[in-house]
């Protein structure tokens, strides 16, 4: 597990700075790749949500099943379970590489912005390497401490296949 140097979430002034948004998303990916899940969780707002829909163009996480739909408290429980010594799929822990690309700001106002990006994640464990791809949408909220993730949505390309559920078994 590598140590990722802390990078404060930058505050944006009047004009939206695409490079700053991209740096925030790359920092998030580095925390995940470094298995620094507790520090990743600190990027979330107290009411933040993490959502991985189970079908393409799913409108609501509340009206149909999702692969993941978790608030900060449930994410904390998942992290605690991953850290437990008897969690089999973490021994040995998978190694991952998240590549974030095509970052763009879709909407922004004085308190929040929505950033869209594409994700390519490769994970390796027990002689198996898997590739997962998807579209991400982050709703970022400005706070006195910097940006916080109000919602992260990951639309997996293979979300509606049986393998979509199986392949997305690594932590986040």
C-alpha atoms as a PDB file:
ATOM      1  CA  UNK A   1       0.000   0.000   0.000  1.00  0.00           C
ATOM      2  CA  UNK A   2       1.510   3.309  -1.043  1.00  0.00           C
ATOM      3  CA  UNK A   3       1.213   6.540   0.893  1.00  0.00           C
ATOM      4  CA  UNK A   4      -0.475   9.357  -0.997  1.00  0.00           C
ATOM      5  CA  UNK A   5       0.468  12.847   0.081  1.00  0.00           C
ATOM      6  CA  UNK A   6      -2.571  14.789   1.240  1.00  0.00           C
ATOM      7  CA  UNK A   7      -3.840  17.366  -1.186  1.00  0.00           C
ATOM      8  CA  UNK A   8      -6.375  19.845   0.145  1.00  0.00           C
ATOM      9  CA  UNK A   9      -9.514  20.178  -1.913  1.00  0.00           C
ATOM     10  CA  UNK A  10      -9.101  23.543  -3.651  1.00  0.00           C
ATOM     11  CA  UNK A  11     -11.775  26.191  -3.451  1.00  0.00           C
ATOM     12  CA  UNK A  12     -12.778  27.716  -6.755  1.00  0.00           C
ATOM     13  CA  UNK A  13     -13.360  31.409  -7.240  1.00  0.00           C
ATOM     14  CA  UNK A  14     -15.684  33.055  -9.750  1.00  0.00           C
ATOM     15  CA  UNK A  15     -14.477  31.192 -12.847  1.00  0.00           C
ATOM     16  CA  UNK A  16     -14.568  27.404 -12.862  1.00  0.00           C
ATOM     17  CA  UNK A  17     -11.115  25.874 -13.076  1.00  0.00           C
ATOM     18  CA  UNK A  18     -11.212  22.607 -14.990  1.00  0.00           C
ATOM     19  CA  UNK A  19      -7.626  21.778 -14.014  1.00  0.00           C
ATOM     20  CA  UNK A  20      -8.525  22.026 -10.307  1.00  0.00           C
ATOM     21  CA  UNK A  21     -11.509  19.704 -10.755  1.00  0.00           C
ATOM     22  CA  UNK A  22      -9.340  17.221 -12.618  1.00  0.00           C
ATOM     23  CA  UNK A  23      -6.702  17.386  -9.851  1.00  0.00           C
ATOM     24  CA  UNK A  24      -9.384  16.633  -7.236  1.00  0.00           C
ATOM     25  CA  UNK A  25     -10.628  13.575  -9.172  1.00  0.00           C
ATOM     26  CA  UNK A  26      -7.084  12.304  -9.714  1.00  0.00           C
ATOM     27  CA  UNK A  27      -6.404  12.731  -5.985  1.00  0.00           C
ATOM     28  CA  UNK A  28      -9.533  10.696  -5.218  1.00  0.00           C
ATOM     29  CA  UNK A  29      -8.326   7.930  -7.569  1.00  0.00           C
ATOM     30  CA  UNK A  30      -4.878   7.939  -5.933  1.00  0.00           C
ATOM     31  CA  UNK A  31      -6.439   7.446  -2.499  1.00  0.00           C
ATOM     32  CA  UNK A  32      -8.392   4.439  -3.799  1.00  0.00           C
ATOM     33  CA  UNK A  33      -5.331   2.964  -5.517  1.00  0.00           C
ATOM     34  CA  UNK A  34      -3.362   3.430  -2.305  1.00  0.00           C
ATOM     35  CA  UNK A  35      -6.139   1.654  -0.349  1.00  0.00           C
ATOM     36  CA  UNK A  36      -6.487   4.747   1.803  1.00  0.00           C
ATOM     37  CA  UNK A  37     -10.225   4.196   2.081  1.00  0.00           C
ATOM     38  CA  UNK A  38     -10.678   6.190   5.293  1.00  0.00           C
ATOM     39  CA  UNK A  39      -9.069   9.241   3.688  1.00  0.00           C
ATOM     40  CA  UNK A  40     -11.207   8.665   0.584  1.00  0.00           C
ATOM     41  CA  UNK A  41     -14.296   8.632   2.795  1.00  0.00           C
ATOM     42  CA  UNK A  42     -13.213  11.987   4.264  1.00  0.00           C
ATOM     43  CA  UNK A  43     -13.735  13.476   0.775  1.00  0.00           C
ATOM     44  CA  UNK A  44     -17.490  12.873   1.157  1.00  0.00           C
ATOM     45  CA  UNK A  45     -19.931  15.370   2.625  1.00  0.00           C
ATOM     46  CA  UNK A  46     -21.780  14.146   5.720  1.00  0.00           C
ATOM     47  CA  UNK A  47     -24.864  13.574   3.533  1.00  0.00           C
ATOM     48  CA  UNK A  48     -22.779  12.270   0.612  1.00  0.00           C
ATOM     49  CA  UNK A  49     -23.827   9.244  -1.444  1.00  0.00           C
ATOM     50  CA  UNK A  50     -22.006   6.695  -3.588  1.00  0.00           C
ATOM     51  CA  UNK A  51     -24.155   5.169  -6.334  1.00  0.00           C
ATOM     52  CA  UNK A  52     -23.483   2.446  -8.911  1.00  0.00           C
ATOM     53  CA  UNK A  53     -26.710   1.837 -10.900  1.00  0.00           C
ATOM     54  CA  UNK A  54     -27.628  -1.690 -11.993  1.00  0.00           C
ATOM     55  CA  UNK A  55     -29.101  -0.617 -15.327  1.00  0.00           C
ATOM     56  CA  UNK A  56     -28.072   1.782 -18.046  1.00  0.00           C
ATOM     57  CA  UNK A  57     -29.608   5.269 -17.671  1.00  0.00           C
ATOM     58  CA  UNK A  58     -31.194   4.366 -14.322  1.00  0.00           C
ATOM     59  CA  UNK A  59     -33.004   7.470 -13.097  1.00  0.00           C
ATOM     60  CA  UNK A  60     -33.368   6.804  -9.385  1.00  0.00           C
ATOM     61  CA  UNK A  61     -31.574   4.622  -6.862  1.00  0.00           C
ATOM     62  CA  UNK A  62     -34.764   4.433  -4.806  1.00  0.00           C
ATOM     63  CA  UNK A  63     -37.131   3.006  -7.427  1.00  0.00           C
ATOM     64  CA  UNK A  64     -35.052   0.038  -8.618  1.00  0.00           C
ATOM     65  CA  UNK A  65     -32.142  -2.067  -7.459  1.00  0.00           C
ATOM     66  CA  UNK A  66     -28.595  -0.692  -7.641  1.00  0.00           C
ATOM     67  CA  UNK A  67     -25.234  -2.430  -7.474  1.00  0.00           C
ATOM     68  CA  UNK A  68     -24.305   0.040  -4.727  1.00  0.00           C
ATOM     69  CA  UNK A  69     -26.228   2.890  -3.145  1.00  0.00           C
ATOM     70  CA  UNK A  70     -24.557   3.897   0.073  1.00  0.00           C
ATOM     71  CA  UNK A  71     -24.455   6.903   2.326  1.00  0.00           C
ATOM     72  CA  UNK A  72     -21.360   7.839   4.313  1.00  0.00           C
ATOM     73  CA  UNK A  73     -22.314   5.609   7.253  1.00  0.00           C
ATOM     74  CA  UNK A  74     -22.696   2.530   5.024  1.00  0.00           C
ATOM     75  CA  UNK A  75     -19.420   3.314   3.277  1.00  0.00           C
ATOM     76  CA  UNK A  76     -17.762   3.430   6.699  1.00  0.00           C
ATOM     77  CA  UNK A  77     -19.190  -0.015   7.517  1.00  0.00           C
ATOM     78  CA  UNK A  78     -17.895  -1.379   4.199  1.00  0.00           C
ATOM     79  CA  UNK A  79     -14.428   0.008   4.916  1.00  0.00           C
ATOM     80  CA  UNK A  80     -14.440  -1.570   8.390  1.00  0.00           C
ATOM     81  CA  UNK A  81     -15.415  -4.922   6.845  1.00  0.00           C
ATOM     82  CA  UNK A  82     -12.648  -4.629   4.238  1.00  0.00           C
ATOM     83  CA  UNK A  83     -10.124  -3.943   6.994  1.00  0.00           C
ATOM     84  CA  UNK A  84     -11.242  -6.913   9.105  1.00  0.00           C
ATOM     85  CA  UNK A  85      -8.561  -9.644   9.210  1.00  0.00           C
ATOM     86  CA  UNK A  86     -10.999 -12.384   8.163  1.00  0.00           C
ATOM     87  CA  UNK A  87     -12.175 -10.667   4.963  1.00  0.00           C
ATOM     88  CA  UNK A  88     -11.034 -13.265   2.414  1.00  0.00           C
ATOM     89  CA  UNK A  89     -11.151 -11.134  -0.723  1.00  0.00           C
ATOM     90  CA  UNK A  90      -8.631  -8.739   0.850  1.00  0.00           C
ATOM     91  CA  UNK A  91      -5.937 -11.396   1.492  1.00  0.00           C
ATOM     92  CA  UNK A  92      -3.992 -10.705  -0.536  1.00  0.00           C
ATOM     93  CA  UNK A  93      -5.499  -7.283  -1.148  1.00  0.00           C
ATOM     94  CA  UNK A  94      -6.221  -6.453  -4.779  1.00  0.00           C
ATOM     95  CA  UNK A  95      -4.030  -3.841  -6.420  1.00  0.00           C
ATOM     96  CA  UNK A  96      -5.827  -1.299  -8.551  1.00  0.00           C
ATOM     97  CA  UNK A  97      -5.177   1.479 -11.011  1.00  0.00           C
ATOM     98  CA  UNK A  98      -7.894   4.061 -11.634  1.00  0.00           C
ATOM     99  CA  UNK A  99      -7.437   6.210 -14.753  1.00  0.00           C
ATOM    100  CA  UNK A 100      -9.649   9.296 -14.863  1.00  0.00           C
ATOM    101  CA  UNK A 101     -10.085  11.032 -18.211  1.00  0.00           C
ATOM    102  CA  UNK A 102     -12.284  13.339 -20.282  1.00  0.00           C
ATOM    103  CA  UNK A 103     -13.076  15.511 -17.250  1.00  0.00           C
ATOM    104  CA  UNK A 104     -15.587  18.261 -17.913  1.00  0.00           C
ATOM    105  CA  UNK A 105     -17.730  20.541 -15.804  1.00  0.00           C
ATOM    106  CA  UNK A 106     -21.397  20.138 -16.693  1.00  0.00           C
ATOM    107  CA  UNK A 107     -22.986  22.641 -14.328  1.00  0.00           C
ATOM    108  CA  UNK A 108     -21.795  24.972 -11.615  1.00  0.00           C
ATOM    109  CA  UNK A 109     -23.204  27.534  -9.245  1.00  0.00           C
ATOM    110  CA  UNK A 110     -22.012  29.269  -6.083  1.00  0.00           C
ATOM    111  CA  UNK A 111     -22.321  26.153  -3.884  1.00  0.00           C
ATOM    112  CA  UNK A 112     -21.972  23.060  -6.098  1.00  0.00           C
ATOM    113  CA  UNK A 113     -20.726  21.816  -9.410  1.00  0.00           C
ATOM    114  CA  UNK A 114     -21.267  18.645 -11.403  1.00  0.00           C
ATOM    115  CA  UNK A 115     -18.201  17.137 -13.052  1.00  0.00           C
ATOM    116  CA  UNK A 116     -18.430  14.298 -15.555  1.00  0.00           C
ATOM    117  CA  UNK A 117     -15.522  12.009 -16.375  1.00  0.00           C
ATOM    118  CA  UNK A 118     -14.675   8.583 -17.678  1.00  0.00           C
ATOM    119  CA  UNK A 119     -13.132   5.846 -15.589  1.00  0.00           C
ATOM    120  CA  UNK A 120     -10.952   2.931 -16.513  1.00  0.00           C
ATOM    121  CA  UNK A 121     -10.023   0.739 -13.577  1.00  0.00           C
ATOM    122  CA  UNK A 122      -7.704  -2.232 -13.666  1.00  0.00           C
ATOM    123  CA  UNK A 123      -7.444  -4.498 -10.650  1.00  0.00           C
ATOM    124  CA  UNK A 124      -5.165  -7.443 -10.036  1.00  0.00           C
ATOM    125  CA  UNK A 125      -5.481 -10.205  -7.452  1.00  0.00           C
ATOM    126  CA  UNK A 126      -4.466 -13.873  -7.359  1.00  0.00           C
ATOM    127  CA  UNK A 127      -3.094 -14.006 -10.904  1.00  0.00           C
ATOM    128  CA  UNK A 128      -6.221 -12.379 -12.366  1.00  0.00           C
ATOM    129  CA  UNK A 129      -6.339  -8.943 -13.924  1.00  0.00           C
ATOM    130  CA  UNK A 130      -9.703  -7.355 -14.649  1.00  0.00           C
ATOM    131  CA  UNK A 131     -10.713  -4.183 -16.441  1.00  0.00           C
ATOM    132  CA  UNK A 132     -13.772  -2.159 -15.511  1.00  0.00           C
ATOM    133  CA  UNK A 133     -14.910   0.929 -17.414  1.00  0.00           C
ATOM    134  CA  UNK A 134     -17.618   3.470 -16.838  1.00  0.00           C
ATOM    135  CA  UNK A 135     -18.852   7.030 -16.802  1.00  0.00           C
ATOM    136  CA  UNK A 136     -18.624   8.996 -13.556  1.00  0.00           C
ATOM    137  CA  UNK A 137     -20.522  11.988 -12.348  1.00  0.00           C
ATOM    138  CA  UNK A 138     -19.399  13.809  -9.219  1.00  0.00           C
ATOM    139  CA  UNK A 139     -21.558  16.422  -7.551  1.00  0.00           C
ATOM    140  CA  UNK A 140     -19.044  18.457  -5.577  1.00  0.00           C
ATOM    141  CA  UNK A 141     -20.053  20.866  -2.821  1.00  0.00           C
ATOM    142  CA  UNK A 142     -17.953  23.837  -1.762  1.00  0.00           C
ATOM    143  CA  UNK A 143     -17.280  23.967   1.981  1.00  0.00           C
ATOM    144  CA  UNK A 144     -14.958  25.903   4.268  1.00  0.00           C
ATOM    145  CA  UNK A 145     -12.696  22.820   4.216  1.00  0.00           C
ATOM    146  CA  UNK A 146     -12.638  22.594   0.408  1.00  0.00           C
ATOM    147  CA  UNK A 147     -14.686  20.368  -1.854  1.00  0.00           C
ATOM    148  CA  UNK A 148     -16.767  17.512  -0.557  1.00  0.00           C
ATOM    149  CA  UNK A 149     -18.415  14.817  -2.653  1.00  0.00           C
ATOM    150  CA  UNK A 150     -22.183  15.215  -2.325  1.00  0.00           C
ATOM    151  CA  UNK A 151     -22.760  12.357  -4.769  1.00  0.00           C
ATOM    152  CA  UNK A 152     -20.594  10.069  -6.850  1.00  0.00           C
ATOM    153  CA  UNK A 153     -22.357   8.070  -9.539  1.00  0.00           C
ATOM    154  CA  UNK A 154     -20.511   5.396 -11.525  1.00  0.00           C
ATOM    155  CA  UNK A 155     -22.337   4.052 -14.597  1.00  0.00           C
ATOM    156  CA  UNK A 156     -20.512   0.834 -15.487  1.00  0.00           C
ATOM    157  CA  UNK A 157     -20.495  -0.059 -19.171  1.00  0.00           C
ATOM    158  CA  UNK A 158     -21.488  -3.630 -18.315  1.00  0.00           C
ATOM    159  CA  UNK A 159     -23.827  -2.740 -15.418  1.00  0.00           C
ATOM    160  CA  UNK A 160     -26.788  -4.653 -16.801  1.00  0.00           C
ATOM    161  CA  UNK A 161     -24.937  -7.884 -17.496  1.00  0.00           C
ATOM    162  CA  UNK A 162     -24.625 -10.683 -15.011  1.00  0.00           C
ATOM    163  CA  UNK A 163     -20.872 -10.133 -15.092  1.00  0.00           C
ATOM    164  CA  UNK A 164     -21.360  -6.446 -14.237  1.00  0.00           C
ATOM    165  CA  UNK A 165     -22.323  -7.416 -10.705  1.00  0.00           C
ATOM    166  CA  UNK A 166     -19.531  -9.956 -10.370  1.00  0.00           C
ATOM    167  CA  UNK A 167     -16.759  -7.830 -11.867  1.00  0.00           C
ATOM    168  CA  UNK A 168     -17.321  -4.845  -9.588  1.00  0.00           C
ATOM    169  CA  UNK A 169     -16.335  -6.712  -6.459  1.00  0.00           C
ATOM    170  CA  UNK A 170     -13.246  -4.697  -5.574  1.00  0.00           C
ATOM    171  CA  UNK A 171     -13.778  -2.073  -2.900  1.00  0.00           C
ATOM    172  CA  UNK A 172     -14.774   1.100  -4.795  1.00  0.00           C
END
